[in-house]
């Protein structure tokens, strides 16, 4: 599902590039699309590891690595 959305967004970025001759707006759209795709892949991996939605909702996720200081 996310692949189709990404293809659509890249197409719109191409159309914006053709119509406006601007590279910054299409680049922003493509970067946003790439970030969205990576987030969807990570979420899919977490879902496969969890096995069910309830386990996924109760999963503790940390963004950075933390050290336990004693």
N, C-alpha and C. Protein backbone atom coordinates (compact mmCIF):
# COMPACT_ATOMS: atom_id res chain seq x y z
N UNK A 1 0.82 -1.19 0.00
CA UNK A 1 0.00 0.00 0.00
C UNK A 1 0.87 1.25 0.00
N UNK A 2 1.91 1.24 0.80
CA UNK A 2 2.77 2.41 0.88
C UNK A 2 3.55 2.62 -0.41
N UNK A 3 3.84 1.54 -1.12
CA UNK A 3 4.57 1.66 -2.38
C UNK A 3 3.75 2.43 -3.40
N UNK A 4 2.46 2.15 -3.47
CA UNK A 4 1.60 2.87 -4.40
C UNK A 4 1.51 4.35 -4.04
N UNK A 5 1.44 4.64 -2.76
CA UNK A 5 1.39 6.04 -2.32
C UNK A 5 2.69 6.75 -2.66
N UNK A 6 3.81 6.06 -2.49
CA UNK A 6 5.11 6.66 -2.80
C UNK A 6 5.24 6.93 -4.30
N UNK A 7 4.77 6.00 -5.11
CA UNK A 7 4.82 6.20 -6.56
C UNK A 7 3.97 7.40 -6.95
N UNK A 8 2.80 7.53 -6.35
CA UNK A 8 1.94 8.68 -6.62
C UNK A 8 2.58 9.99 -6.21
N UNK A 9 3.22 10.01 -5.06
CA UNK A 9 3.88 11.23 -4.59
C UNK A 9 5.06 11.61 -5.47
N UNK A 10 5.81 10.62 -5.91
CA UNK A 10 6.94 10.91 -6.80
C UNK A 10 6.42 11.45 -8.13
N UNK A 11 5.30 10.92 -8.62
CA UNK A 11 4.71 11.45 -9.84
C UNK A 11 4.30 12.91 -9.66
N UNK A 12 3.67 13.23 -8.53
CA UNK A 12 3.29 14.62 -8.28
C UNK A 12 4.52 15.51 -8.14
N UNK A 13 5.57 15.00 -7.54
CA UNK A 13 6.81 15.78 -7.44
C UNK A 13 7.38 16.05 -8.83
N UNK A 14 7.30 15.07 -9.71
CA UNK A 14 7.75 15.26 -11.09
C UNK A 14 6.91 16.33 -11.78
N UNK A 15 5.60 16.28 -11.58
CA UNK A 15 4.72 17.28 -12.20
C UNK A 15 5.01 18.68 -11.66
N UNK A 16 5.27 18.79 -10.37
CA UNK A 16 5.62 20.09 -9.79
C UNK A 16 6.92 20.58 -10.40
N UNK A 17 7.88 19.68 -10.58
CA UNK A 17 9.15 20.07 -11.19
C UNK A 17 8.95 20.57 -12.61
N UNK A 18 8.14 19.88 -13.39
CA UNK A 18 7.89 20.28 -14.78
C UNK A 18 7.18 21.63 -14.84
N UNK A 19 6.17 21.82 -13.99
CA UNK A 19 5.37 23.04 -14.07
C UNK A 19 6.06 24.26 -13.48
N UNK A 20 6.88 24.07 -12.46
CA UNK A 20 7.46 25.23 -11.78
C UNK A 20 8.95 25.42 -12.03
N UNK A 21 9.62 24.44 -12.61
CA UNK A 21 11.07 24.49 -12.81
C UNK A 21 11.82 24.73 -11.51
N UNK A 22 11.24 24.29 -10.42
CA UNK A 22 11.87 24.40 -9.11
C UNK A 22 12.33 23.02 -8.68
N UNK A 23 13.51 22.95 -8.10
CA UNK A 23 14.00 21.66 -7.63
C UNK A 23 13.79 21.47 -6.13
N UNK A 24 13.58 22.54 -5.40
CA UNK A 24 13.49 22.42 -3.95
C UNK A 24 12.18 21.78 -3.50
N UNK A 25 11.06 22.17 -4.08
CA UNK A 25 9.77 21.61 -3.67
C UNK A 25 9.67 20.12 -4.01
N UNK A 26 10.00 19.70 -5.23
CA UNK A 26 9.97 18.26 -5.51
C UNK A 26 10.95 17.46 -4.65
N UNK A 27 12.10 18.04 -4.35
CA UNK A 27 13.06 17.34 -3.48
C UNK A 27 12.47 17.15 -2.08
N UNK A 28 11.77 18.16 -1.58
CA UNK A 28 11.12 18.05 -0.27
C UNK A 28 10.05 16.97 -0.30
N UNK A 29 9.26 16.92 -1.37
CA UNK A 29 8.20 15.91 -1.49
C UNK A 29 8.81 14.51 -1.54
N UNK A 30 9.89 14.34 -2.28
CA UNK A 30 10.52 13.02 -2.39
C UNK A 30 11.16 12.62 -1.06
N UNK A 31 11.77 13.56 -0.35
CA UNK A 31 12.35 13.24 0.97
C UNK A 31 11.26 12.83 1.95
N UNK A 32 10.13 13.55 1.93
CA UNK A 32 9.01 13.19 2.79
C UNK A 32 8.48 11.81 2.44
N UNK A 33 8.40 11.51 1.17
CA UNK A 33 7.94 10.20 0.71
C UNK A 33 8.90 9.10 1.17
N UNK A 34 10.18 9.36 1.08
CA UNK A 34 11.18 8.37 1.49
C UNK A 34 11.10 8.10 2.99
N UNK A 35 10.94 9.15 3.78
CA UNK A 35 10.83 8.99 5.23
C UNK A 35 9.58 8.20 5.57
N UNK A 36 8.49 8.48 4.89
CA UNK A 36 7.24 7.76 5.11
C UNK A 36 7.39 6.28 4.77
N UNK A 37 8.09 5.99 3.70
CA UNK A 37 8.29 4.59 3.29
C UNK A 37 9.13 3.84 4.31
N UNK A 38 10.19 4.46 4.80
CA UNK A 38 11.04 3.82 5.80
C UNK A 38 10.25 3.58 7.09
N UNK A 39 9.45 4.55 7.50
CA UNK A 39 8.63 4.38 8.70
C UNK A 39 7.62 3.25 8.53
N UNK A 40 7.05 3.11 7.35
CA UNK A 40 6.10 2.02 7.10
C UNK A 40 6.80 0.67 7.14
N UNK A 41 8.00 0.59 6.62
CA UNK A 41 8.75 -0.67 6.65
C UNK A 41 9.10 -1.04 8.09
N UNK A 42 9.54 -0.08 8.87
CA UNK A 42 9.88 -0.34 10.28
C UNK A 42 8.64 -0.79 11.05
N UNK A 43 7.51 -0.13 10.81
CA UNK A 43 6.27 -0.52 11.47
C UNK A 43 5.86 -1.93 11.07
N UNK A 44 6.03 -2.28 9.80
CA UNK A 44 5.72 -3.63 9.34
C UNK A 44 6.59 -4.68 10.01
N UNK A 45 7.86 -4.38 10.18
CA UNK A 45 8.77 -5.32 10.86
C UNK A 45 8.35 -5.49 12.31
N UNK A 46 8.02 -4.38 12.99
CA UNK A 46 7.56 -4.48 14.38
C UNK A 46 6.27 -5.30 14.47
N UNK A 47 5.37 -5.11 13.51
CA UNK A 47 4.12 -5.87 13.53
C UNK A 47 4.38 -7.36 13.33
N UNK A 48 5.27 -7.72 12.41
CA UNK A 48 5.58 -9.13 12.20
C UNK A 48 6.23 -9.76 13.43
N UNK A 49 7.07 -8.98 14.11
CA UNK A 49 7.71 -9.50 15.32
C UNK A 49 6.71 -9.66 16.46
N UNK A 50 5.76 -8.73 16.57
CA UNK A 50 4.80 -8.77 17.66
C UNK A 50 3.77 -9.87 17.46
N UNK A 51 3.31 -10.06 16.24
CA UNK A 51 2.35 -11.11 15.96
C UNK A 51 0.90 -10.68 16.01
N UNK A 52 0.56 -9.68 16.80
CA UNK A 52 -0.81 -9.18 16.85
C UNK A 52 -0.80 -7.70 17.20
N UNK A 53 -1.92 -7.05 16.92
CA UNK A 53 -1.99 -5.60 17.15
C UNK A 53 -1.93 -5.28 18.63
N UNK A 54 -2.55 -6.10 19.48
CA UNK A 54 -2.53 -5.81 20.91
C UNK A 54 -1.11 -5.89 21.47
N UNK A 55 -0.34 -6.85 21.00
CA UNK A 55 1.05 -6.94 21.45
C UNK A 55 1.87 -5.77 20.91
N UNK A 56 1.52 -5.32 19.71
CA UNK A 56 2.23 -4.18 19.12
C UNK A 56 1.96 -2.91 19.90
N UNK A 57 0.72 -2.73 20.36
CA UNK A 57 0.38 -1.53 21.13
C UNK A 57 1.05 -1.53 22.49
N UNK A 58 1.31 -2.68 23.06
CA UNK A 58 1.94 -2.77 24.38
C UNK A 58 3.46 -2.82 24.32
N UNK A 59 4.02 -2.79 23.13
CA UNK A 59 5.46 -2.91 22.95
C UNK A 59 6.15 -1.61 23.35
N UNK A 60 7.24 -1.73 24.08
CA UNK A 60 8.01 -0.57 24.48
C UNK A 60 9.10 -0.33 23.44
N UNK A 61 9.12 0.87 22.87
CA UNK A 61 10.06 1.21 21.81
C UNK A 61 10.88 2.41 22.25
N UNK A 62 12.19 2.30 22.14
CA UNK A 62 13.04 3.46 22.43
C UNK A 62 13.73 3.90 21.15
N UNK A 63 13.84 5.20 21.00
CA UNK A 63 14.43 5.75 19.78
C UNK A 63 15.95 5.67 19.84
N UNK A 64 16.51 5.98 20.97
CA UNK A 64 17.97 5.95 21.10
C UNK A 64 18.40 4.85 22.05
N UNK A 65 19.68 4.58 22.02
CA UNK A 65 20.21 3.56 22.90
C UNK A 65 20.51 4.20 24.24
N UNK A 66 20.08 3.57 25.32
CA UNK A 66 20.34 4.09 26.66
C UNK A 66 21.22 3.12 27.41
N UNK A 67 21.98 3.66 28.33
CA UNK A 67 22.85 2.83 29.16
C UNK A 67 22.34 2.87 30.59
N UNK A 68 22.37 1.72 31.21
CA UNK A 68 21.99 1.65 32.62
C UNK A 68 23.21 1.99 33.46
N UNK A 69 23.11 3.07 34.21
CA UNK A 69 24.22 3.46 35.07
C UNK A 69 23.98 2.91 36.46
N UNK A 70 25.02 2.34 37.04
CA UNK A 70 24.90 1.76 38.38
C UNK A 70 25.74 2.49 39.34
